PDB file of all heavy atoms in Angstrom:
ATOM      1  N   ALA A   1     -23.571 -30.128  56.550  1.00  0.00           N
ATOM      2  CA  ALA A   1     -22.135 -29.924  56.374  1.00  0.00           C
ATOM      3  C   ALA A   1     -21.543 -30.932  55.397  1.00  0.00           C
ATOM      4  O   ALA A   1     -20.634 -30.610  54.626  1.00  0.00           O
ATOM      5  CB  ALA A   1     -21.425 -30.031  57.720  1.00  0.00           C
ATOM      6  N   LEU A   2     -22.068 -32.151  55.408  1.00  0.00           N
ATOM      7  CA  LEU A   2     -21.510 -33.224  54.592  1.00  0.00           C
ATOM      8  C   LEU A   2     -21.844 -33.070  53.114  1.00  0.00           C
ATOM      9  O   LEU A   2     -21.022 -33.381  52.251  1.00  0.00           O
ATOM     10  CB  LEU A   2     -22.020 -34.573  55.109  1.00  0.00           C
ATOM     11  CG  LEU A   2     -21.407 -35.838  54.505  1.00  0.00           C
ATOM     12  CD1 LEU A   2     -19.904 -35.888  54.758  1.00  0.00           C
ATOM     13  CD2 LEU A   2     -22.096 -37.075  55.084  1.00  0.00           C
ATOM     14  N   TYR A   3     -23.057 -32.552  52.822  1.00  0.00           N
ATOM     15  CA  TYR A   3     -23.530 -32.586  51.447  1.00  0.00           C
ATOM     16  C   TYR A   3     -23.613 -31.230  50.753  1.00  0.00           C
ATOM     17  O   TYR A   3     -23.714 -31.192  49.525  1.00  0.00           O
ATOM     18  CB  TYR A   3     -24.909 -33.247  51.390  1.00  0.00           C
ATOM     19  CG  TYR A   3     -24.845 -34.751  51.460  1.00  0.00           C
ATOM     20  CD1 TYR A   3     -25.049 -35.421  52.660  1.00  0.00           C
ATOM     21  CD2 TYR A   3     -24.575 -35.507  50.325  1.00  0.00           C
ATOM     22  CE1 TYR A   3     -24.979 -36.808  52.723  1.00  0.00           C
ATOM     23  CE2 TYR A   3     -24.508 -36.886  50.379  1.00  0.00           C
ATOM     24  CZ  TYR A   3     -24.712 -37.534  51.577  1.00  0.00           C
ATOM     25  OH  TYR A   3     -24.632 -38.898  51.637  1.00  0.00           O
ATOM     26  N   PHE A   4     -23.605 -30.133  51.493  1.00  0.00           N
ATOM     27  CA  PHE A   4     -23.877 -28.853  50.851  1.00  0.00           C
ATOM     28  C   PHE A   4     -22.679 -27.921  50.960  1.00  0.00           C
ATOM     29  O   PHE A   4     -22.160 -27.692  52.053  1.00  0.00           O
ATOM     30  CB  PHE A   4     -25.117 -28.206  51.465  1.00  0.00           C
ATOM     31  CG  PHE A   4     -26.371 -28.982  51.165  1.00  0.00           C
ATOM     32  CD1 PHE A   4     -26.834 -29.954  52.035  1.00  0.00           C
ATOM     33  CD2 PHE A   4     -27.058 -28.764  49.983  1.00  0.00           C
ATOM     34  CE1 PHE A   4     -27.956 -30.696  51.744  1.00  0.00           C
ATOM     35  CE2 PHE A   4     -28.196 -29.500  49.679  1.00  0.00           C
ATOM     36  CZ  PHE A   4     -28.653 -30.467  50.566  1.00  0.00           C
ATOM     37  N   PRO A   5     -22.248 -27.344  49.827  1.00  0.00           N
ATOM     38  CA  PRO A   5     -21.105 -26.431  49.856  1.00  0.00           C
ATOM     39  C   PRO A   5     -21.433 -25.067  50.448  1.00  0.00           C
ATOM     40  O   PRO A   5     -20.538 -24.321  50.815  1.00  0.00           O
ATOM     41  CB  PRO A   5     -20.728 -26.301  48.373  1.00  0.00           C
ATOM     42  CG  PRO A   5     -22.010 -26.546  47.636  1.00  0.00           C
ATOM     43  CD  PRO A   5     -22.745 -27.562  48.456  1.00  0.00           C
ATOM     44  N   ARG A   6     -22.732 -24.763  50.534  1.00  0.00           N
ATOM     45  CA  ARG A   6     -23.146 -23.466  51.083  1.00  0.00           C
ATOM     46  C   ARG A   6     -24.221 -23.691  52.130  1.00  0.00           C
ATOM     47  O   ARG A   6     -25.204 -24.390  51.887  1.00  0.00           O
ATOM     48  CB  ARG A   6     -23.668 -22.552  49.984  1.00  0.00           C
ATOM     49  CG  ARG A   6     -24.176 -21.203  50.487  1.00  0.00           C
ATOM     50  CD  ARG A   6     -24.736 -20.369  49.342  1.00  0.00           C
ATOM     51  NE  ARG A   6     -25.292 -19.109  49.817  1.00  0.00           N
ATOM     52  CZ  ARG A   6     -25.932 -18.243  49.034  1.00  0.00           C
ATOM     53  NH1 ARG A   6     -26.076 -18.500  47.736  1.00  0.00           N
ATOM     54  NH2 ARG A   6     -26.413 -17.122  49.539  1.00  0.00           N
ATOM     55  N   VAL A   7     -24.040 -23.116  53.296  1.00  0.00           N
ATOM     56  CA  VAL A   7     -24.985 -23.230  54.401  1.00  0.00           C
ATOM     57  C   VAL A   7     -25.414 -21.838  54.832  1.00  0.00           C
ATOM     58  O   VAL A   7     -24.568 -20.949  55.021  1.00  0.00           O
ATOM     59  CB  VAL A   7     -24.358 -23.972  55.600  1.00  0.00           C
ATOM     60  CG1 VAL A   7     -25.297 -23.950  56.807  1.00  0.00           C
ATOM     61  CG2 VAL A   7     -24.027 -25.415  55.227  1.00  0.00           C
ATOM     62  N   VAL A   8     -26.721 -21.637  54.964  1.00  0.00           N
ATOM     63  CA  VAL A   8     -27.268 -20.385  55.481  1.00  0.00           C
ATOM     64  C   VAL A   8     -27.891 -20.697  56.841  1.00  0.00           C
ATOM     65  O   VAL A   8     -28.854 -21.454  56.928  1.00  0.00           O
ATOM     66  CB  VAL A   8     -28.327 -19.785  54.536  1.00  0.00           C
ATOM     67  CG1 VAL A   8     -28.877 -18.489  55.114  1.00  0.00           C
ATOM     68  CG2 VAL A   8     -27.740 -19.548  53.152  1.00  0.00           C
ATOM     69  N   MET A   9     -27.336 -20.142  57.904  1.00  0.00           N
ATOM     70  CA  MET A   9     -27.839 -20.387  59.250  1.00  0.00           C
ATOM     71  C   MET A   9     -28.825 -19.290  59.644  1.00  0.00           C
ATOM     72  O   MET A   9     -28.516 -18.095  59.539  1.00  0.00           O
ATOM     73  CB  MET A   9     -26.690 -20.443  60.263  1.00  0.00           C
ATOM     74  CG  MET A   9     -27.151 -20.652  61.696  1.00  0.00           C
ATOM     75  SD  MET A   9     -25.772 -20.773  62.875  1.00  0.00           S
ATOM     76  CE  MET A   9     -25.219 -22.442  62.537  1.00  0.00           C
ATOM     77  N   LEU A  10     -30.013 -19.721  60.086  1.00  0.00           N
ATOM     78  CA  LEU A  10     -31.049 -18.782  60.503  1.00  0.00           C
ATOM     79  C   LEU A  10     -31.303 -18.906  62.000  1.00  0.00           C
ATOM     80  O   LEU A  10     -31.197 -19.987  62.575  1.00  0.00           O
ATOM     81  CB  LEU A  10     -32.356 -19.058  59.747  1.00  0.00           C
ATOM     82  CG  LEU A  10     -32.320 -18.988  58.218  1.00  0.00           C
ATOM     83  CD1 LEU A  10     -33.683 -19.362  57.650  1.00  0.00           C
ATOM     84  CD2 LEU A  10     -31.918 -17.599  57.757  1.00  0.00           C
ATOM     85  N   ASP A  11     -31.684 -17.818  62.603  1.00  0.00           N
ATOM     86  CA  ASP A  11     -32.108 -17.812  64.002  1.00  0.00           C
ATOM     87  C   ASP A  11     -33.268 -16.828  64.129  1.00  0.00           C
ATOM     88  O   ASP A  11     -33.095 -15.629  63.920  1.00  0.00           O
ATOM     89  CB  ASP A  11     -30.953 -17.390  64.913  1.00  0.00           C
ATOM     90  CG  ASP A  11     -31.333 -17.469  66.389  1.00  0.00           C
ATOM     91  OD1 ASP A  11     -32.306 -18.188  66.714  1.00  0.00           O
ATOM     92  OD2 ASP A  11     -30.671 -16.807  67.216  1.00  0.00           O
ATOM     93  N   ARG A  12     -34.473 -17.378  64.398  1.00  0.00           N
ATOM     94  CA  ARG A  12     -35.684 -16.565  64.506  1.00  0.00           C
ATOM     95  C   ARG A  12     -35.911 -15.717  63.251  1.00  0.00           C
ATOM     96  O   ARG A  12     -36.276 -14.545  63.309  1.00  0.00           O
ATOM     97  CB  ARG A  12     -35.629 -15.675  65.747  1.00  0.00           C
ATOM     98  CG  ARG A  12     -35.548 -16.448  67.058  1.00  0.00           C
ATOM     99  CD  ARG A  12     -35.456 -15.505  68.249  1.00  0.00           C
ATOM    100  NE  ARG A  12     -35.401 -16.211  69.507  1.00  0.00           N
ATOM    101  CZ  ARG A  12     -34.278 -16.671  70.057  1.00  0.00           C
ATOM    102  NH1 ARG A  12     -33.124 -16.466  69.434  1.00  0.00           N
ATOM    103  NH2 ARG A  12     -34.305 -17.322  71.210  1.00  0.00           N
ATOM    104  N   GLY A  13     -35.657 -16.330  62.101  1.00  0.00           N
ATOM    105  CA  GLY A  13     -35.903 -15.646  60.841  1.00  0.00           C
ATOM    106  C   GLY A  13     -34.791 -14.738  60.373  1.00  0.00           C
ATOM    107  O   GLY A  13     -34.871 -14.177  59.279  1.00  0.00           O
ATOM    108  N   ARG A  14     -33.752 -14.585  61.170  1.00  0.00           N
ATOM    109  CA  ARG A  14     -32.627 -13.728  60.784  1.00  0.00           C
ATOM    110  C   ARG A  14     -31.484 -14.588  60.244  1.00  0.00           C
ATOM    111  O   ARG A  14     -31.208 -15.661  60.760  1.00  0.00           O
ATOM    112  CB  ARG A  14     -32.121 -12.913  61.974  1.00  0.00           C
ATOM    113  CG  ARG A  14     -33.126 -11.921  62.537  1.00  0.00           C
ATOM    114  CD  ARG A  14     -32.512 -11.133  63.678  1.00  0.00           C
ATOM    115  NE  ARG A  14     -32.115 -11.994  64.785  1.00  0.00           N
ATOM    116  CZ  ARG A  14     -30.858 -12.208  65.154  1.00  0.00           C
ATOM    117  NH1 ARG A  14     -29.852 -11.615  64.503  1.00  0.00           N
ATOM    118  NH2 ARG A  14     -30.589 -12.996  66.184  1.00  0.00           N
ATOM    119  N   ILE A  15     -30.795 -14.094  59.229  1.00  0.00           N
ATOM    120  CA  ILE A  15     -29.610 -14.779  58.717  1.00  0.00           C
ATOM    121  C   ILE A  15     -28.443 -14.475  59.633  1.00  0.00           C
ATOM    122  O   ILE A  15     -28.042 -13.327  59.810  1.00  0.00           O
ATOM    123  CB  ILE A  15     -29.289 -14.334  57.276  1.00  0.00           C
ATOM    124  CG1 ILE A  15     -30.410 -14.757  56.327  1.00  0.00           C
ATOM    125  CG2 ILE A  15     -27.959 -14.939  56.827  1.00  0.00           C
ATOM    126  CD1 ILE A  15     -30.190 -14.307  54.891  1.00  0.00           C
ATOM    127  N   ILE A  16     -27.906 -15.529  60.260  1.00  0.00           N
ATOM    128  CA  ILE A  16     -26.780 -15.384  61.173  1.00  0.00           C
ATOM    129  C   ILE A  16     -25.458 -15.513  60.439  1.00  0.00           C
ATOM    130  O   ILE A  16     -24.489 -14.812  60.726  1.00  0.00           O
ATOM    131  CB  ILE A  16     -26.869 -16.430  62.295  1.00  0.00           C
ATOM    132  CG1 ILE A  16     -28.182 -16.272  63.062  1.00  0.00           C
ATOM    133  CG2 ILE A  16     -25.681 -16.322  63.244  1.00  0.00           C
ATOM    134  CD1 ILE A  16     -28.359 -14.924  63.712  1.00  0.00           C
ATOM    135  N   ALA A  17     -25.419 -16.436  59.488  1.00  0.00           N
ATOM    136  CA  ALA A  17     -24.186 -16.654  58.737  1.00  0.00           C
ATOM    137  C   ALA A  17     -24.525 -17.302  57.411  1.00  0.00           C
ATOM    138  O   ALA A  17     -25.531 -17.992  57.278  1.00  0.00           O
ATOM    139  CB  ALA A  17     -23.211 -17.524  59.531  1.00  0.00           C
ATOM    140  N   ASP A  18     -23.663 -17.105  56.423  1.00  0.00           N
ATOM    141  CA  ASP A  18     -23.885 -17.629  55.079  1.00  0.00           C
ATOM    142  C   ASP A  18     -22.520 -17.916  54.466  1.00  0.00           C
ATOM    143  O   ASP A  18     -21.699 -17.004  54.326  1.00  0.00           O
ATOM    144  CB  ASP A  18     -24.658 -16.600  54.245  1.00  0.00           C
ATOM    145  CG  ASP A  18     -24.908 -17.059  52.814  1.00  0.00           C
ATOM    146  OD1 ASP A  18     -24.433 -18.140  52.424  1.00  0.00           O
ATOM    147  OD2 ASP A  18     -25.575 -16.309  52.073  1.00  0.00           O
ATOM    148  N   GLY A  19     -22.265 -19.187  54.137  1.00  0.00           N
ATOM    149  CA  GLY A  19     -20.983 -19.513  53.533  1.00  0.00           C
ATOM    150  C   GLY A  19     -20.699 -20.996  53.585  1.00  0.00           C
ATOM    151  O   GLY A  19     -21.596 -21.815  53.833  1.00  0.00           O
ATOM    152  N   PRO A  20     -19.460 -21.394  53.388  1.00  0.00           N
ATOM    153  CA  PRO A  20     -19.081 -22.808  53.457  1.00  0.00           C
ATOM    154  C   PRO A  20     -19.321 -23.360  54.861  1.00  0.00           C
ATOM    155  O   PRO A  20     -19.236 -22.619  55.860  1.00  0.00           O
ATOM    156  CB  PRO A  20     -17.588 -22.792  53.125  1.00  0.00           C
ATOM    157  CG  PRO A  20     -17.367 -21.510  52.394  1.00  0.00           C
ATOM    158  CD  PRO A  20     -18.339 -20.532  52.991  1.00  0.00           C
ATOM    159  N   PRO A  21     -19.638 -24.659  54.999  1.00  0.00           N
ATOM    160  CA  PRO A  21     -19.946 -25.230  56.317  1.00  0.00           C
ATOM    161  C   PRO A  21     -18.873 -24.977  57.369  1.00  0.00           C
ATOM    162  O   PRO A  21     -19.194 -24.648  58.517  1.00  0.00           O
ATOM    163  CB  PRO A  21     -20.082 -26.733  56.018  1.00  0.00           C
ATOM    164  CG  PRO A  21     -20.481 -26.793  54.593  1.00  0.00           C
ATOM    165  CD  PRO A  21     -19.795 -25.647  53.921  1.00  0.00           C
ATOM    166  N   ALA A  22     -17.612 -25.114  57.008  1.00  0.00           N
ATOM    167  CA  ALA A  22     -16.541 -24.946  57.990  1.00  0.00           C
ATOM    168  C   ALA A  22     -16.490 -23.528  58.545  1.00  0.00           C
ATOM    169  O   ALA A  22     -16.054 -23.313  59.680  1.00  0.00           O
ATOM    170  CB  ALA A  22     -15.194 -25.315  57.363  1.00  0.00           C
ATOM    171  N   GLU A  23     -16.938 -22.542  57.755  1.00  0.00           N
ATOM    172  CA  GLU A  23     -16.924 -21.156  58.219  1.00  0.00           C
ATOM    173  C   GLU A  23     -18.191 -20.789  58.966  1.00  0.00           C
ATOM    174  O   GLU A  23     -18.166 -19.924  59.854  1.00  0.00           O
ATOM    175  CB  GLU A  23     -16.755 -20.220  57.018  1.00  0.00           C
ATOM    176  CG  GLU A  23     -15.430 -20.385  56.288  1.00  0.00           C
ATOM    177  CD  GLU A  23     -15.312 -19.456  55.090  1.00  0.00           C
ATOM    178  OE1 GLU A  23     -16.196 -18.582  54.940  1.00  0.00           O
ATOM    179  OE2 GLU A  23     -14.365 -19.615  54.308  1.00  0.00           O
ATOM    180  N   VAL A  24     -19.307 -21.433  58.643  1.00  0.00           N
ATOM    181  CA  VAL A  24     -20.588 -21.112  59.279  1.00  0.00           C
ATOM    182  C   VAL A  24     -20.763 -21.862  60.588  1.00  0.00           C
ATOM    183  O   VAL A  24     -21.188 -21.291  61.600  1.00  0.00           O
ATOM    184  CB  VAL A  24     -21.753 -21.434  58.318  1.00  0.00           C
ATOM    185  CG1 VAL A  24     -23.099 -21.320  59.037  1.00  0.00           C
ATOM    186  CG2 VAL A  24     -21.711 -20.508  57.107  1.00  0.00           C
ATOM    187  N   LEU A  25     -20.424 -23.143  60.614  1.00  0.00           N
ATOM    188  CA  LEU A  25     -20.718 -23.996  61.765  1.00  0.00           C
ATOM    189  C   LEU A  25     -19.549 -24.009  62.749  1.00  0.00           C
ATOM    190  O   LEU A  25     -18.942 -25.048  63.025  1.00  0.00           O
ATOM    191  CB  LEU A  25     -21.039 -25.420  61.277  1.00  0.00           C
ATOM    192  CG  LEU A  25     -22.206 -25.519  60.274  1.00  0.00           C
ATOM    193  CD1 LEU A  25     -22.364 -26.942  59.768  1.00  0.00           C
ATOM    194  CD2 LEU A  25     -23.505 -25.026  60.914  1.00  0.00           C
ATOM    195  N   THR A  26     -19.236 -22.859  63.294  1.00  0.00           N
ATOM    196  CA  THR A  26     -18.177 -22.761  64.290  1.00  0.00           C
ATOM    197  C   THR A  26     -18.728 -23.043  65.683  1.00  0.00           C
ATOM    198  O   THR A  26     -19.931 -22.926  65.933  1.00  0.00           O
ATOM    199  CB  THR A  26     -17.554 -21.361  64.276  1.00  0.00           C
ATOM    200  OG1 THR A  26     -18.565 -20.409  64.671  1.00  0.00           O
ATOM    201  CG2 THR A  26     -17.045 -21.003  62.885  1.00  0.00           C
ATOM    202  N   ASP A  27     -17.850 -23.422  66.609  1.00  0.00           N
ATOM    203  CA  ASP A  27     -18.274 -23.705  67.984  1.00  0.00           C
ATOM    204  C   ASP A  27     -18.987 -22.499  68.588  1.00  0.00           C
ATOM    205  O   ASP A  27     -20.039 -22.627  69.220  1.00  0.00           O
ATOM    206  CB  ASP A  27     -17.062 -24.059  68.855  1.00  0.00           C
ATOM    207  CG  ASP A  27     -16.412 -25.364  68.447  1.00  0.00           C
ATOM    208  OD1 ASP A  27     -16.959 -26.034  67.537  1.00  0.00           O
ATOM    209  OD2 ASP A  27     -15.361 -25.717  69.014  1.00  0.00           O
ATOM    210  N   GLU A  28     -18.416 -21.321  68.402  1.00  0.00           N
ATOM    211  CA  GLU A  28     -18.975 -20.124  69.019  1.00  0.00           C
ATOM    212  C   GLU A  28     -20.358 -19.798  68.455  1.00  0.00           C
ATOM    213  O   GLU A  28     -21.285 -19.460  69.197  1.00  0.00           O
ATOM    214  CB  GLU A  28     -18.028 -18.944  68.802  1.00  0.00           C
ATOM    215  CG  GLU A  28     -16.665 -19.075  69.463  1.00  0.00           C
ATOM    216  CD  GLU A  28     -15.720 -19.999  68.707  1.00  0.00           C
ATOM    217  OE1 GLU A  28     -16.060 -20.405  67.566  1.00  0.00           O
ATOM    218  OE2 GLU A  28     -14.657 -20.323  69.263  1.00  0.00           O
ATOM    219  N   ARG A  29     -20.511 -19.918  67.139  1.00  0.00           N
ATOM    220  CA  ARG A  29     -21.789 -19.579  66.521  1.00  0.00           C
ATOM    221  C   ARG A  29     -22.862 -20.602  66.892  1.00  0.00           C
ATOM    222  O   ARG A  29     -24.018 -20.236  67.145  1.00  0.00           O
ATOM    223  CB  ARG A  29     -21.627 -19.487  65.005  1.00  0.00           C
ATOM    224  CG  ARG A  29     -22.862 -18.917  64.318  1.00  0.00           C
ATOM    225  CD  ARG A  29     -22.575 -18.614  62.874  1.00  0.00           C
ATOM    226  NE  ARG A  29     -21.719 -17.447  62.711  1.00  0.00           N
ATOM    227  CZ  ARG A  29     -20.540 -17.451  62.079  1.00  0.00           C
ATOM    228  NH1 ARG A  29     -20.078 -18.561  61.558  1.00  0.00           N
ATOM    229  NH2 ARG A  29     -19.841 -16.346  61.978  1.00  0.00           N
ATOM    230  N   LEU A  30     -22.506 -21.868  66.942  1.00  0.00           N
ATOM    231  CA  LEU A  30     -23.471 -22.895  67.325  1.00  0.00           C
ATOM    232  C   LEU A  30     -23.911 -22.705  68.774  1.00  0.00           C
ATOM    233  O   LEU A  30     -25.086 -22.861  69.105  1.00  0.00           O
ATOM    234  CB  LEU A  30     -22.858 -24.288  67.133  1.00  0.00           C
ATOM    235  CG  LEU A  30     -22.623 -24.703  65.679  1.00  0.00           C
ATOM    236  CD1 LEU A  30     -21.759 -25.955  65.615  1.00  0.00           C
ATOM    237  CD2 LEU A  30     -23.931 -24.925  64.966  1.00  0.00           C
ATOM    238  N   ALA A  31     -22.983 -22.357  69.631  1.00  0.00           N
ATOM    239  CA  ALA A  31     -23.346 -22.104  71.020  1.00  0.00           C
ATOM    240  C   ALA A  31     -24.265 -20.900  71.135  1.00  0.00           C
ATOM    241  O   ALA A  31     -25.212 -20.891  71.926  1.00  0.00           O
ATOM    242  CB  ALA A  31     -22.078 -21.892  71.853  1.00  0.00           C
ATOM    243  N   GLU A  32     -24.004 -19.874  70.318  1.00  0.00           N
ATOM    244  CA  GLU A  32     -24.829 -18.665  70.349  1.00  0.00           C
ATOM    245  C   GLU A  32     -26.255 -18.957  69.881  1.00  0.00           C
ATOM    246  O   GLU A  32     -27.234 -18.503  70.491  1.00  0.00           O
ATOM    247  CB  GLU A  32     -24.205 -17.608  69.442  1.00  0.00           C
ATOM    248  CG  GLU A  32     -25.059 -16.359  69.247  1.00  0.00           C
ATOM    249  CD  GLU A  32     -24.525 -15.452  68.159  1.00  0.00           C
ATOM    250  OE1 GLU A  32     -23.419 -15.706  67.656  1.00  0.00           O
ATOM    251  OE2 GLU A  32     -25.232 -14.494  67.798  1.00  0.00           O
ATOM    252  N   VAL A  33     -26.395 -19.719  68.797  1.00  0.00           N
ATOM    253  CA  VAL A  33     -27.710 -19.964  68.207  1.00  0.00           C
ATOM    254  C   VAL A  33     -28.504 -20.989  68.997  1.00  0.00           C
ATOM    255  O   VAL A  33     -29.707 -20.810  69.246  1.00  0.00           O
ATOM    256  CB  VAL A  33     -27.561 -20.416  66.740  1.00  0.00           C
ATOM    257  CG1 VAL A  33     -28.901 -20.875  66.175  1.00  0.00           C
ATOM    258  CG2 VAL A  33     -26.991 -19.280  65.897  1.00  0.00           C
ATOM    259  N   TYR A  34     -27.849 -22.071  69.425  1.00  0.00           N
ATOM    260  CA  TYR A  34     -28.575 -23.165  70.067  1.00  0.00           C
ATOM    261  C   TYR A  34     -28.543 -23.101  71.592  1.00  0.00           C
ATOM    262  O   TYR A  34     -29.295 -23.812  72.261  1.00  0.00           O
ATOM    263  CB  TYR A  34     -28.023 -24.515  69.592  1.00  0.00           C
ATOM    264  CG  TYR A  34     -28.335 -24.786  68.144  1.00  0.00           C
ATOM    265  CD1 TYR A  34     -27.394 -24.505  67.148  1.00  0.00           C
ATOM    266  CD2 TYR A  34     -29.575 -25.279  67.757  1.00  0.00           C
ATOM    267  CE1 TYR A  34     -27.677 -24.733  65.815  1.00  0.00           C
ATOM    268  CE2 TYR A  34     -29.863 -25.508  66.424  1.00  0.00           C
ATOM    269  CZ  TYR A  34     -28.916 -25.231  65.458  1.00  0.00           C
ATOM    270  OH  TYR A  34     -29.211 -25.455  64.136  1.00  0.00           O
ATOM    271  N   GLY A  35     -27.663 -22.287  72.140  1.00  0.00           N
ATOM    272  CA  GLY A  35     -27.626 -22.138  73.581  1.00  0.00           C
ATOM    273  C   GLY A  35     -27.079 -23.333  74.321  1.00  0.00           C
ATOM    274  O   GLY A  35     -27.394 -23.545  75.493  1.00  0.00           O
ATOM    275  N   ILE A  36     -26.277 -24.167  73.660  1.00  0.00           N
ATOM    276  CA  ILE A  36     -25.677 -25.333  74.310  1.00  0.00           C
ATOM    277  C   ILE A  36     -24.210 -25.408  73.934  1.00  0.00           C
ATOM    278  O   ILE A  36     -23.775 -24.829  72.937  1.00  0.00           O
ATOM    279  CB  ILE A  36     -26.372 -26.643  73.888  1.00  0.00           C
ATOM    280  CG1 ILE A  36     -26.317 -26.819  72.365  1.00  0.00           C
ATOM    281  CG2 ILE A  36     -27.812 -26.673  74.374  1.00  0.00           C
ATOM    282  CD1 ILE A  36     -26.849 -28.142  71.875  1.00  0.00           C
ATOM    283  N   ALA A  37     -23.462 -26.114  74.744  1.00  0.00           N
ATOM    284  CA  ALA A  37     -22.055 -26.326  74.427  1.00  0.00           C
ATOM    285  C   ALA A  37     -21.947 -27.420  73.373  1.00  0.00           C
ATOM    286  O   ALA A  37     -22.632 -28.434  73.440  1.00  0.00           O
ATOM    287  CB  ALA A  37     -21.289 -26.726  75.683  1.00  0.00           C
ATOM    288  N   VAL A  38     -21.121 -27.199  72.379  1.00  0.00           N
ATOM    289  CA  VAL A  38     -20.929 -28.176  71.310  1.00  0.00           C
ATOM    290  C   VAL A  38     -19.442 -28.411  71.115  1.00  0.00           C
ATOM    291  O   VAL A  38     -18.598 -27.625  71.565  1.00  0.00           O
ATOM    292  CB  VAL A  38     -21.544 -27.689  69.976  1.00  0.00           C
ATOM    293  CG1 VAL A  38     -23.050 -27.517  70.117  1.00  0.00           C
ATOM    294  CG2 VAL A  38     -20.892 -26.396  69.514  1.00  0.00           C
ATOM    295  N   THR A  39     -19.144 -29.504  70.461  1.00  0.00           N
ATOM    296  CA  THR A  39     -17.766 -29.776  70.084  1.00  0.00           C
ATOM    297  C   THR A  39     -17.750 -30.237  68.652  1.00  0.00           C
ATOM    298  O   THR A  39     -18.734 -30.787  68.153  1.00  0.00           O
ATOM    299  CB  THR A  39     -17.133 -30.849  70.989  1.00  0.00           C
ATOM    300  OG1 THR A  39     -15.742 -30.990  70.670  1.00  0.00           O
ATOM    301  CG2 THR A  39     -17.832 -32.198  70.819  1.00  0.00           C
ATOM    302  N   ARG A  40     -16.663 -29.970  67.962  1.00  0.00           N
ATOM    303  CA  ARG A  40     -16.566 -30.338  66.555  1.00  0.00           C
ATOM    304  C   ARG A  40     -15.376 -31.246  66.333  1.00  0.00           C
ATOM    305  O   ARG A  40     -14.313 -31.096  66.930  1.00  0.00           O
ATOM    306  CB  ARG A  40     -16.404 -29.099  65.670  1.00  0.00           C
ATOM    307  CG  ARG A  40     -17.624 -28.228  65.557  1.00  0.00           C
ATOM    308  CD  ARG A  40     -17.430 -27.199  64.458  1.00  0.00           C
ATOM    309  NE  ARG A  40     -16.148 -26.498  64.588  1.00  0.00           N
ATOM    310  CZ  ARG A  40     -15.576 -25.791  63.618  1.00  0.00           C
ATOM    311  NH1 ARG A  40     -16.155 -25.694  62.440  1.00  0.00           N
ATOM    312  NH2 ARG A  40     -14.434 -25.162  63.818  1.00  0.00           N
ATOM    313  N   ALA A  41     -15.583 -32.233  65.464  1.00  0.00           N
ATOM    314  CA  ALA A  41     -14.491 -33.033  64.931  1.00  0.00           C
ATOM    315  C   ALA A  41     -14.471 -32.784  63.435  1.00  0.00           C
ATOM    316  O   ALA A  41     -15.249 -31.979  62.920  1.00  0.00           O
ATOM    317  CB  ALA A  41     -14.704 -34.505  65.253  1.00  0.00           C
ATOM    318  N   ARG A  42     -13.606 -33.486  62.728  1.00  0.00           N
ATOM    319  CA  ARG A  42     -13.548 -33.302  61.283  1.00  0.00           C
ATOM    320  C   ARG A  42     -13.463 -34.653  60.578  1.00  0.00           C
ATOM    321  O   ARG A  42     -12.765 -35.556  61.042  1.00  0.00           O
ATOM    322  CB  ARG A  42     -12.339 -32.439  60.878  1.00  0.00           C
ATOM    323  CG  ARG A  42     -12.499 -30.979  61.267  1.00  0.00           C
ATOM    324  CD  ARG A  42     -11.410 -30.126  60.645  1.00  0.00           C
ATOM    325  NE  ARG A  42     -11.573 -28.728  61.013  1.00  0.00           N
ATOM    326  CZ  ARG A  42     -12.347 -27.871  60.349  1.00  0.00           C
ATOM    327  NH1 ARG A  42     -13.007 -28.287  59.286  1.00  0.00           N
ATOM    328  NH2 ARG A  42     -12.443 -26.624  60.734  1.00  0.00           N
ATOM    329  N   HIS A  43     -14.212 -34.760  59.480  1.00  0.00           N
ATOM    330  CA  HIS A  43     -14.065 -35.915  58.610  1.00  0.00           C
ATOM    331  C   HIS A  43     -12.700 -35.829  57.923  1.00  0.00           C
ATOM    332  O   HIS A  43     -12.060 -34.774  57.924  1.00  0.00           O
ATOM    333  CB  HIS A  43     -15.182 -35.929  57.558  1.00  0.00           C
ATOM    334  CG  HIS A  43     -16.543 -36.182  58.131  1.00  0.00           C
ATOM    335  ND1 HIS A  43     -16.983 -37.435  58.477  1.00  0.00           N
ATOM    336  CD2 HIS A  43     -17.563 -35.336  58.410  1.00  0.00           C
ATOM    337  CE1 HIS A  43     -18.217 -37.361  58.948  1.00  0.00           C
ATOM    338  NE2 HIS A  43     -18.590 -36.104  58.918  1.00  0.00           N
TER     339      HIS A  43
END
């Protein structure tokens, strides 16, 4: 998120999301992919 303007999130070889970090790394999507509760702050 800190260094790359574009992030492609994969889960078991499938593309889950593709775009800017703030749009890809959402709480809901991270919980779906990793199966854990997460929280986000912002720089």
